[in-house]
Amino acid sequence: MILSYIQHLLSLLARNGAMSKRHRKDRKENQGNHGPVTPQAVYRHLLLTFTEPGSSAMSSEKEELLTNYILVLTLFADDFRSDPNDICADLKMTRQMIKPYYDQLGCKSVSSGAFKPTFMTLPAPLKFPQDVTRRKRRR
């Protein structure tokens, strides 16, 4: 279920990406080859969530929100341990471009050794920085 929802989110991102009319035409002709079709009710909900009211255009803030949704779902699907290379191609981003999104989510880079792939993990429970308060001494 989660993987199909991720696919629908990626589909929305691809639909609202900067594509020429020629690419849109080619995509409509080959739409049967691009995986599952997003149900109309789900598509309407996604449009309401990730586009500006009264428009089908996606602002940069909404696009970042969509990217964060996708990354959170991939982390959840992979038991909070994800290889960024798996999603980079789908998001059409490089590993360096996607790293700030993981950092913003609170993920840490973990490597199991030299020449081993680096994974992004989301430590649970999340530990937020604590404000350091010092007690005043009584004299």
C-alpha atoms as a PDB file:
ATOM      1  CA  MET A   1       0.000   0.000   0.000  1.00  0.00           C
ATOM      2  CA  ILE A   2       2.762   2.449   0.932  1.00  0.00           C
ATOM      3  CA  LEU A   3       4.719   1.662  -2.210  1.00  0.00           C
ATOM      4  CA  SER A   4       1.716   2.388  -4.421  1.00  0.00           C
ATOM      5  CA  TYR A   5       1.151   5.694  -2.615  1.00  0.00           C
ATOM      6  CA  ILE A   6       4.820   6.578  -3.185  1.00  0.00           C
ATOM      7  CA  GLN A   7       4.293   5.766  -6.866  1.00  0.00           C
ATOM      8  CA  HIS A   8       1.275   8.103  -6.990  1.00  0.00           C
ATOM      9  CA  LEU A   9       3.312  10.893  -5.357  1.00  0.00           C
ATOM     10  CA  LEU A  10       6.131  10.380  -7.846  1.00  0.00           C
ATOM     11  CA  SER A  11       3.561  10.471 -10.649  1.00  0.00           C
ATOM     12  CA  LEU A  12       2.246  13.818  -9.393  1.00  0.00           C
ATOM     13  CA  LEU A  13       5.780  15.174  -9.197  1.00  0.00           C
ATOM     14  CA  ALA A  14       6.453  14.053 -12.769  1.00  0.00           C
ATOM     15  CA  ARG A  15       3.159  15.504 -14.050  1.00  0.00           C
ATOM     16  CA  ASN A  16       3.834  18.898 -12.541  1.00  0.00           C
ATOM     17  CA  GLY A  17       7.486  18.966 -13.523  1.00  0.00           C
ATOM     18  CA  ALA A  18       8.690  21.326 -16.222  1.00  0.00           C
ATOM     19  CA  MET A  19       7.881  19.390 -19.380  1.00  0.00           C
ATOM     20  CA  SER A  20       7.451  20.657 -22.900  1.00  0.00           C
ATOM     21  CA  LYS A  21       4.210  20.116 -24.807  1.00  0.00           C
ATOM     22  CA  ARG A  22       5.975  17.535 -26.953  1.00  0.00           C
ATOM     23  CA  HIS A  23       6.969  15.513 -23.873  1.00  0.00           C
ATOM     24  CA  ARG A  24       3.412  15.710 -22.531  1.00  0.00           C
ATOM     25  CA  LYS A  25       2.074  14.434 -25.842  1.00  0.00           C
ATOM     26  CA  ASP A  26       4.592  11.568 -25.868  1.00  0.00           C
ATOM     27  CA  ARG A  27       3.683  10.740 -22.287  1.00  0.00           C
ATOM     28  CA  LYS A  28      -0.045  10.608 -23.032  1.00  0.00           C
ATOM     29  CA  GLU A  29       0.623   8.193 -25.889  1.00  0.00           C
ATOM     30  CA  ASN A  30       2.795   5.965 -23.687  1.00  0.00           C
ATOM     31  CA  GLN A  31       0.853   6.360 -20.436  1.00  0.00           C
ATOM     32  CA  GLY A  32      -0.027   2.670 -20.320  1.00  0.00           C
ATOM     33  CA  ASN A  33       3.674   1.862 -20.035  1.00  0.00           C
ATOM     34  CA  HIS A  34       4.307   4.085 -16.995  1.00  0.00           C
ATOM     35  CA  GLY A  35       2.900   1.947 -14.190  1.00  0.00           C
ATOM     36  CA  PRO A  36      -0.332   2.201 -12.238  1.00  0.00           C
ATOM     37  CA  VAL A  37      -2.777   4.987 -12.989  1.00  0.00           C
ATOM     38  CA  THR A  38      -3.589   7.196 -10.015  1.00  0.00           C
ATOM     39  CA  PRO A  39      -7.273   6.854  -9.008  1.00  0.00           C
ATOM     40  CA  GLN A  40      -9.202  10.089  -9.549  1.00  0.00           C
ATOM     41  CA  ALA A  41     -10.080  10.552  -5.860  1.00  0.00           C
ATOM     42  CA  VAL A  42      -6.448  10.108  -4.813  1.00  0.00           C
ATOM     43  CA  TYR A  43      -5.265  12.454  -7.561  1.00  0.00           C
ATOM     44  CA  ARG A  44      -7.735  15.166  -6.446  1.00  0.00           C
ATOM     45  CA  HIS A  45      -6.559  14.812  -2.839  1.00  0.00           C
ATOM     46  CA  LEU A  46      -2.926  15.089  -3.919  1.00  0.00           C
ATOM     47  CA  LEU A  47      -3.688  18.177  -6.009  1.00  0.00           C
ATOM     48  CA  LEU A  48      -5.409  19.829  -3.029  1.00  0.00           C
ATOM     49  CA  THR A  49      -2.467  19.009  -0.779  1.00  0.00           C
ATOM     50  CA  PHE A  50       0.463  19.827  -3.063  1.00  0.00           C
ATOM     51  CA  THR A  51      -0.697  22.600  -5.396  1.00  0.00           C
ATOM     52  CA  GLU A  52      -1.647  26.197  -4.820  1.00  0.00           C
ATOM     53  CA  PRO A  53      -5.391  26.874  -4.358  1.00  0.00           C
ATOM     54  CA  GLY A  54      -7.117  27.623  -7.662  1.00  0.00           C
ATOM     55  CA  SER A  55      -4.157  26.425  -9.708  1.00  0.00           C
ATOM     56  CA  SER A  56      -2.676  23.162 -10.814  1.00  0.00           C
ATOM     57  CA  ALA A  57       0.838  24.603 -10.552  1.00  0.00           C
ATOM     58  CA  MET A  58       3.159  23.505  -7.797  1.00  0.00           C
ATOM     59  CA  SER A  59       5.152  26.172  -5.950  1.00  0.00           C
ATOM     60  CA  SER A  60       8.700  25.470  -4.846  1.00  0.00           C
ATOM     61  CA  GLU A  61       7.511  25.121  -1.228  1.00  0.00           C
ATOM     62  CA  LYS A  62       4.879  22.564  -2.217  1.00  0.00           C
ATOM     63  CA  GLU A  63       7.421  20.689  -4.342  1.00  0.00           C
ATOM     64  CA  GLU A  64       9.762  20.509  -1.345  1.00  0.00           C
ATOM     65  CA  LEU A  65       6.863  19.313   0.802  1.00  0.00           C
ATOM     66  CA  LEU A  66       6.100  16.602  -1.753  1.00  0.00           C
ATOM     67  CA  THR A  67       9.753  15.534  -1.811  1.00  0.00           C
ATOM     68  CA  ASN A  68       9.764  15.322   1.982  1.00  0.00           C
ATOM     69  CA  TYR A  69       6.566  13.221   1.937  1.00  0.00           C
ATOM     70  CA  ILE A  70       8.173  10.823  -0.514  1.00  0.00           C
ATOM     71  CA  LEU A  71      11.349  10.517   1.559  1.00  0.00           C
ATOM     72  CA  VAL A  72       9.423   9.940   4.795  1.00  0.00           C
ATOM     73  CA  LEU A  73       7.371   7.200   3.157  1.00  0.00           C
ATOM     74  CA  THR A  74      10.478   5.521   1.733  1.00  0.00           C
ATOM     75  CA  LEU A  75      12.079   5.622   5.179  1.00  0.00           C
ATOM     76  CA  PHE A  76       8.945   4.109   6.707  1.00  0.00           C
ATOM     77  CA  ALA A  77       8.775   1.396   4.036  1.00  0.00           C
ATOM     78  CA  ASP A  78      12.451   0.496   4.589  1.00  0.00           C
ATOM     79  CA  ASP A  79      12.198   0.342   8.401  1.00  0.00           C
ATOM     80  CA  PHE A  80      13.681   3.859   8.791  1.00  0.00           C
ATOM     81  CA  ARG A  81      16.871   2.926   6.930  1.00  0.00           C
ATOM     82  CA  SER A  82      17.043   4.020   3.307  1.00  0.00           C
ATOM     83  CA  ASP A  83      19.624   4.009   0.530  1.00  0.00           C
ATOM     84  CA  PRO A  84      19.374   7.440  -1.119  1.00  0.00           C
ATOM     85  CA  ASN A  85      20.541   6.020  -4.452  1.00  0.00           C
ATOM     86  CA  ASP A  86      17.267   4.065  -4.688  1.00  0.00           C
ATOM     87  CA  ILE A  87      15.108   7.188  -4.794  1.00  0.00           C
ATOM     88  CA  CYS A  88      17.509   9.623  -6.522  1.00  0.00           C
ATOM     89  CA  ALA A  89      16.607   8.426 -10.012  1.00  0.00           C
ATOM     90  CA  ASP A  90      12.871   8.630  -9.307  1.00  0.00           C
ATOM     91  CA  LEU A  91      13.166  12.169  -7.946  1.00  0.00           C
ATOM     92  CA  LYS A  92      15.598  13.135 -10.733  1.00  0.00           C
ATOM     93  CA  MET A  93      18.037  14.426  -8.131  1.00  0.00           C
ATOM     94  CA  THR A  94      21.620  13.628  -7.270  1.00  0.00           C
ATOM     95  CA  ARG A  95      22.687  12.296  -3.899  1.00  0.00           C
ATOM     96  CA  GLN A  96      24.124  15.730  -3.030  1.00  0.00           C
ATOM     97  CA  MET A  97      20.815  17.400  -3.919  1.00  0.00           C
ATOM     98  CA  ILE A  98      18.780  14.994  -1.788  1.00  0.00           C
ATOM     99  CA  LYS A  99      21.013  15.049   1.310  1.00  0.00           C
ATOM    100  CA  PRO A 100      19.664  18.382   2.676  1.00  0.00           C
ATOM    101  CA  TYR A 101      16.146  16.926   2.611  1.00  0.00           C
ATOM    102  CA  TYR A 102      17.290  13.974   4.720  1.00  0.00           C
ATOM    103  CA  ASP A 103      19.130  16.340   7.070  1.00  0.00           C
ATOM    104  CA  GLN A 104      15.987  18.446   7.437  1.00  0.00           C
ATOM    105  CA  LEU A 105      14.054  15.310   8.412  1.00  0.00           C
ATOM    106  CA  GLY A 106      16.608  14.521  11.132  1.00  0.00           C
ATOM    107  CA  CYS A 107      18.287  11.597   9.366  1.00  0.00           C
ATOM    108  CA  LYS A 108      21.855  10.522   9.985  1.00  0.00           C
ATOM    109  CA  SER A 109      24.343   9.031   7.502  1.00  0.00           C
ATOM    110  CA  VAL A 110      25.454   5.549   8.504  1.00  0.00           C
ATOM    111  CA  SER A 111      28.063   3.426   6.774  1.00  0.00           C
ATOM    112  CA  SER A 112      28.873  -0.150   7.716  1.00  0.00           C
ATOM    113  CA  GLY A 113      32.481   0.190   6.627  1.00  0.00           C
ATOM    114  CA  ALA A 114      34.887   1.365   3.971  1.00  0.00           C
ATOM    115  CA  PHE A 115      33.666   0.817   0.403  1.00  0.00           C
ATOM    116  CA  LYS A 116      30.195  -0.025   1.712  1.00  0.00           C
ATOM    117  CA  PRO A 117      27.108   1.969   0.752  1.00  0.00           C
ATOM    118  CA  THR A 118      25.996   4.775   3.042  1.00  0.00           C
ATOM    119  CA  PHE A 119      22.439   4.627   4.314  1.00  0.00           C
ATOM    120  CA  MET A 120      20.283   7.343   5.761  1.00  0.00           C
ATOM    121  CA  THR A 121      18.637   6.374   9.037  1.00  0.00           C
ATOM    122  CA  LEU A 122      16.024   8.105  11.104  1.00  0.00           C
ATOM    123  CA  PRO A 123      16.828   7.482  14.748  1.00  0.00           C
ATOM    124  CA  ALA A 124      13.814   6.634  16.833  1.00  0.00           C
ATOM    125  CA  PRO A 125      12.809   8.098  19.137  1.00  0.00           C
ATOM    126  CA  LEU A 126      13.821  11.423  17.686  1.00  0.00           C
ATOM    127  CA  LYS A 127      16.132  13.439  19.872  1.00  0.00           C
ATOM    128  CA  PHE A 128      15.750  17.155  19.519  1.00  0.00           C
ATOM    129  CA  PRO A 129      18.448  19.538  20.735  1.00  0.00           C
ATOM    130  CA  GLN A 130      18.012  20.565  24.340  1.00  0.00           C
ATOM    131  CA  ASP A 131      18.353  24.127  25.510  1.00  0.00           C
ATOM    132  CA  VAL A 132      21.145  24.340  28.003  1.00  0.00           C
ATOM    133  CA  THR A 133      19.981  26.120  31.106  1.00  0.00           C
ATOM    134  CA  ARG A 134      22.330  26.831  33.916  1.00  0.00           C
ATOM    135  CA  ARG A 135      21.260  27.115  37.487  1.00  0.00           C
ATOM    136  CA  LYS A 136      22.235  30.140  39.405  1.00  0.00           C
ATOM    137  CA  ARG A 137      24.122  29.361  42.567  1.00  0.00           C
ATOM    138  CA  ARG A 138      22.847  30.641  45.814  1.00  0.00           C
ATOM    139  CA  ARG A 139      25.341  32.494  47.878  1.00  0.00           C
END
